Amino acid sequence: MDEKERYEQARKRVEEIKGFYVHLLVYVLVNLGLFLVNILRSPETIWFYWPLLGWGFGVVAHGISVFGLRGVLGPEWEKRKIREIMSKE
């Protein structure tokens, strides 16, 4: 892989990470706003946690897609699994 390809790969990775952090920031700010609207406008009915939970699953999925499950299904796990399968054959 030449320098230009490595740079392009790194740039794409940075964009993925940046996208996740922007998503996380918007999630926090919007849900804070929803919390305030709920508490100030209709404190007798607590509903703010529904969008918090639903969108929260999306944020977690986005984080996993960007950062992966390092210890569980990351590159090291793949290498170990490949070695394990190759040793059995």
N, C-alpha and C. Protein backbone atom coordinates (compact mmCIF):
# COMPACT_ATOMS: atom_id res chain seq x y z
N MET A 1 0.86 -1.18 0.00
CA MET A 1 0.00 0.00 0.00
C MET A 1 0.90 1.24 0.00
N ASP A 2 0.67 2.10 -0.95
CA ASP A 2 1.51 3.29 -1.02
C ASP A 2 1.00 4.38 -0.07
N GLU A 3 1.75 5.45 -0.01
CA GLU A 3 1.47 6.55 0.94
C GLU A 3 0.10 7.18 0.67
N LYS A 4 -0.25 7.35 -0.59
CA LYS A 4 -1.53 7.97 -0.93
C LYS A 4 -2.71 7.10 -0.46
N GLU A 5 -2.61 5.80 -0.65
CA GLU A 5 -3.67 4.89 -0.20
C GLU A 5 -3.77 4.87 1.32
N ARG A 6 -2.64 4.88 1.99
CA ARG A 6 -2.64 4.91 3.46
C ARG A 6 -3.28 6.19 3.97
N TYR A 7 -2.95 7.31 3.32
CA TYR A 7 -3.53 8.59 3.71
C TYR A 7 -5.05 8.56 3.51
N GLU A 8 -5.50 8.06 2.38
CA GLU A 8 -6.93 8.01 2.09
C GLU A 8 -7.66 7.11 3.08
N GLN A 9 -7.06 5.99 3.42
CA GLN A 9 -7.65 5.08 4.40
C GLN A 9 -7.73 5.75 5.78
N ALA A 10 -6.68 6.45 6.17
CA ALA A 10 -6.68 7.16 7.46
C ALA A 10 -7.71 8.28 7.47
N ARG A 11 -7.83 9.00 6.34
CA ARG A 11 -8.80 10.09 6.25
C ARG A 11 -10.22 9.55 6.40
N LYS A 12 -10.51 8.42 5.75
CA LYS A 12 -11.84 7.82 5.87
C LYS A 12 -12.12 7.38 7.30
N ARG A 13 -11.12 6.83 7.95
CA ARG A 13 -11.27 6.39 9.34
C ARG A 13 -11.58 7.57 10.25
N VAL A 14 -10.86 8.68 10.04
CA VAL A 14 -11.10 9.89 10.84
C VAL A 14 -12.51 10.40 10.60
N GLU A 15 -12.99 10.35 9.37
CA GLU A 15 -14.36 10.78 9.06
C GLU A 15 -15.38 9.91 9.78
N GLU A 16 -15.13 8.60 9.84
CA GLU A 16 -16.04 7.69 10.56
C GLU A 16 -16.09 8.05 12.05
N ILE A 17 -14.93 8.26 12.63
CA ILE A 17 -14.86 8.59 14.06
C ILE A 17 -15.53 9.94 14.33
N LYS A 18 -15.25 10.90 13.48
CA LYS A 18 -15.86 12.23 13.61
C LYS A 18 -17.38 12.13 13.50
N GLY A 19 -17.86 11.34 12.56
CA GLY A 19 -19.30 11.15 12.40
C GLY A 19 -19.95 10.59 13.65
N PHE A 20 -19.27 9.65 14.29
CA PHE A 20 -19.81 9.08 15.52
C PHE A 20 -19.89 10.14 16.62
N TYR A 21 -18.83 10.91 16.78
CA TYR A 21 -18.83 11.92 17.85
C TYR A 21 -19.86 13.01 17.60
N VAL A 22 -20.09 13.38 16.35
CA VAL A 22 -21.14 14.35 16.03
C VAL A 22 -22.50 13.75 16.38
N HIS A 23 -22.70 12.49 16.01
CA HIS A 23 -23.94 11.80 16.33
C HIS A 23 -24.18 11.77 17.84
N LEU A 24 -23.13 11.44 18.59
CA LEU A 24 -23.24 11.39 20.05
C LEU A 24 -23.58 12.76 20.63
N LEU A 25 -22.95 13.81 20.14
CA LEU A 25 -23.22 15.16 20.62
C LEU A 25 -24.67 15.56 20.34
N VAL A 26 -25.15 15.29 19.12
CA VAL A 26 -26.54 15.62 18.78
C VAL A 26 -27.50 14.82 19.66
N TYR A 27 -27.19 13.56 19.89
CA TYR A 27 -28.01 12.70 20.76
C TYR A 27 -28.14 13.31 22.16
N VAL A 28 -27.02 13.72 22.73
CA VAL A 28 -27.04 14.29 24.08
C VAL A 28 -27.82 15.60 24.10
N LEU A 29 -27.56 16.48 23.16
CA LEU A 29 -28.22 17.79 23.16
C LEU A 29 -29.73 17.67 22.92
N VAL A 30 -30.12 16.88 21.94
CA VAL A 30 -31.55 16.73 21.64
C VAL A 30 -32.27 16.07 22.81
N ASN A 31 -31.67 15.04 23.39
CA ASN A 31 -32.34 14.37 24.50
C ASN A 31 -32.39 15.24 25.75
N LEU A 32 -31.40 16.10 25.94
CA LEU A 32 -31.47 17.07 27.03
C LEU A 32 -32.64 18.02 26.79
N GLY A 33 -32.80 18.47 25.56
CA GLY A 33 -33.93 19.32 25.21
C GLY A 33 -35.26 18.63 25.43
N LEU A 34 -35.36 17.37 25.01
CA LEU A 34 -36.60 16.62 25.22
C LEU A 34 -36.90 16.43 26.70
N PHE A 35 -35.86 16.20 27.48
CA PHE A 35 -36.03 16.07 28.93
C PHE A 35 -36.61 17.36 29.51
N LEU A 36 -36.03 18.49 29.12
CA LEU A 36 -36.50 19.77 29.64
C LEU A 36 -37.93 20.05 29.21
N VAL A 37 -38.25 19.78 27.94
CA VAL A 37 -39.62 19.97 27.47
C VAL A 37 -40.58 19.10 28.27
N ASN A 38 -40.22 17.86 28.48
CA ASN A 38 -41.07 16.95 29.23
C ASN A 38 -41.30 17.45 30.66
N ILE A 39 -40.24 17.80 31.34
CA ILE A 39 -40.35 18.22 32.74
C ILE A 39 -41.08 19.55 32.88
N LEU A 40 -40.84 20.48 31.96
CA LEU A 40 -41.46 21.80 32.07
C LEU A 40 -42.89 21.83 31.54
N ARG A 41 -43.21 21.05 30.51
CA ARG A 41 -44.53 21.11 29.88
C ARG A 41 -45.52 20.07 30.41
N SER A 42 -45.04 18.88 30.67
CA SER A 42 -45.96 17.83 31.13
C SER A 42 -45.28 16.92 32.15
N PRO A 43 -44.98 17.48 33.33
CA PRO A 43 -44.27 16.69 34.34
C PRO A 43 -45.08 15.51 34.88
N GLU A 44 -46.39 15.56 34.68
CA GLU A 44 -47.23 14.46 35.17
C GLU A 44 -47.08 13.19 34.32
N THR A 45 -46.60 13.33 33.10
CA THR A 45 -46.38 12.19 32.21
C THR A 45 -44.92 12.17 31.78
N ILE A 46 -44.20 11.20 32.27
CA ILE A 46 -42.78 11.10 31.93
C ILE A 46 -42.64 10.26 30.67
N TRP A 47 -42.19 10.87 29.58
CA TRP A 47 -42.05 10.18 28.30
C TRP A 47 -40.67 10.32 27.67
N PHE A 48 -39.84 11.20 28.21
CA PHE A 48 -38.57 11.52 27.54
C PHE A 48 -37.65 10.31 27.38
N TYR A 49 -37.82 9.30 28.24
CA TYR A 49 -36.90 8.16 28.18
C TYR A 49 -37.15 7.27 26.95
N TRP A 50 -38.34 7.34 26.33
CA TRP A 50 -38.59 6.51 25.14
C TRP A 50 -37.68 6.89 23.97
N PRO A 51 -37.64 8.16 23.59
CA PRO A 51 -36.69 8.50 22.52
C PRO A 51 -35.23 8.32 22.96
N LEU A 52 -34.97 8.54 24.25
CA LEU A 52 -33.62 8.34 24.79
C LEU A 52 -33.18 6.89 24.57
N LEU A 53 -34.05 5.95 24.90
CA LEU A 53 -33.73 4.53 24.74
C LEU A 53 -33.65 4.12 23.27
N GLY A 54 -34.64 4.51 22.49
CA GLY A 54 -34.66 4.13 21.08
C GLY A 54 -33.46 4.65 20.32
N TRP A 55 -33.20 5.92 20.47
CA TRP A 55 -32.07 6.54 19.78
C TRP A 55 -30.76 6.03 20.38
N GLY A 56 -30.78 5.74 21.68
CA GLY A 56 -29.60 5.21 22.35
C GLY A 56 -29.12 3.91 21.72
N PHE A 57 -30.07 3.04 21.36
CA PHE A 57 -29.69 1.80 20.67
C PHE A 57 -28.98 2.12 19.35
N GLY A 58 -29.48 3.14 18.66
CA GLY A 58 -28.84 3.55 17.41
C GLY A 58 -27.43 4.08 17.62
N VAL A 59 -27.24 4.85 18.68
CA VAL A 59 -25.91 5.38 18.99
C VAL A 59 -24.95 4.25 19.34
N VAL A 60 -25.42 3.29 20.11
CA VAL A 60 -24.58 2.13 20.46
C VAL A 60 -24.21 1.35 19.20
N ALA A 61 -25.18 1.12 18.33
CA ALA A 61 -24.90 0.40 17.08
C ALA A 61 -23.90 1.16 16.22
N HIS A 62 -24.04 2.48 16.16
CA HIS A 62 -23.10 3.31 15.41
C HIS A 62 -21.70 3.19 16.01
N GLY A 63 -21.61 3.25 17.33
CA GLY A 63 -20.32 3.12 18.01
C GLY A 63 -19.67 1.78 17.73
N ILE A 64 -20.47 0.71 17.75
CA ILE A 64 -19.92 -0.62 17.46
C ILE A 64 -19.45 -0.69 16.02
N SER A 65 -20.20 -0.07 15.10
CA SER A 65 -19.78 -0.11 13.69
C SER A 65 -18.49 0.67 13.46
N VAL A 66 -18.26 1.71 14.25
CA VAL A 66 -17.05 2.52 14.08
C VAL A 66 -15.87 1.92 14.85
N PHE A 67 -16.09 1.57 16.11
CA PHE A 67 -14.99 1.12 16.96
C PHE A 67 -14.92 -0.40 17.10
N GLY A 68 -15.99 -1.09 16.75
CA GLY A 68 -16.02 -2.54 16.85
C GLY A 68 -16.09 -3.01 18.28
N LEU A 69 -16.10 -4.31 18.42
CA LEU A 69 -16.06 -4.93 19.74
C LEU A 69 -14.65 -5.46 19.90
N ARG A 70 -13.74 -4.58 20.21
CA ARG A 70 -12.30 -4.88 20.22
C ARG A 70 -11.95 -6.23 20.84
N GLY A 71 -12.37 -6.46 22.06
CA GLY A 71 -11.99 -7.68 22.75
C GLY A 71 -12.77 -8.90 22.29
N VAL A 72 -13.95 -8.69 21.76
CA VAL A 72 -14.82 -9.81 21.43
C VAL A 72 -14.65 -10.24 19.98
N LEU A 73 -14.83 -9.34 19.06
CA LEU A 73 -14.78 -9.69 17.64
C LEU A 73 -13.82 -8.82 16.85
N GLY A 74 -12.79 -8.35 17.49
CA GLY A 74 -11.82 -7.47 16.83
C GLY A 74 -10.78 -8.24 16.03
N PRO A 75 -9.79 -7.53 15.53
CA PRO A 75 -8.75 -8.14 14.70
C PRO A 75 -7.97 -9.25 15.40
N GLU A 76 -7.70 -9.08 16.69
CA GLU A 76 -6.97 -10.12 17.41
C GLU A 76 -7.78 -11.40 17.52
N TRP A 77 -9.07 -11.25 17.75
CA TRP A 77 -9.94 -12.42 17.80
C TRP A 77 -9.92 -13.15 16.46
N GLU A 78 -10.00 -12.37 15.36
CA GLU A 78 -9.97 -12.96 14.02
C GLU A 78 -8.69 -13.76 13.81
N LYS A 79 -7.56 -13.18 14.18
CA LYS A 79 -6.27 -13.88 14.01
C LYS A 79 -6.24 -15.17 14.81
N ARG A 80 -6.71 -15.12 16.06
CA ARG A 80 -6.74 -16.32 16.90
C ARG A 80 -7.64 -17.39 16.29
N LYS A 81 -8.79 -16.97 15.80
CA LYS A 81 -9.74 -17.92 15.22
C LYS A 81 -9.17 -18.55 13.96
N ILE A 82 -8.51 -17.77 13.12
CA ILE A 82 -7.88 -18.29 11.91
C ILE A 82 -6.83 -19.33 12.27
N ARG A 83 -5.97 -18.99 13.24
CA ARG A 83 -4.93 -19.95 13.67
C ARG A 83 -5.56 -21.23 14.21
N GLU A 84 -6.63 -21.06 14.99
CA GLU A 84 -7.31 -22.22 15.57
C GLU A 84 -7.88 -23.13 14.48
N ILE A 85 -8.54 -22.55 13.52
CA ILE A 85 -9.14 -23.34 12.44
C ILE A 85 -8.07 -23.99 11.57
N MET A 86 -7.01 -23.24 11.29
CA MET A 86 -5.94 -23.79 10.46
C MET A 86 -5.23 -24.94 11.16
N SER A 87 -5.11 -24.87 12.47
CA SER A 87 -4.41 -25.94 13.20
C SER A 87 -5.24 -27.23 13.25
N LYS A 88 -6.56 -27.11 13.12
CA LYS A 88 -7.43 -28.28 13.13
C LYS A 88 -7.46 -28.99 11.79
N GLU A 89 -7.15 -28.27 10.73
CA GLU A 89 -7.23 -28.86 9.38
C GLU A 89 -5.97 -29.55 8.98
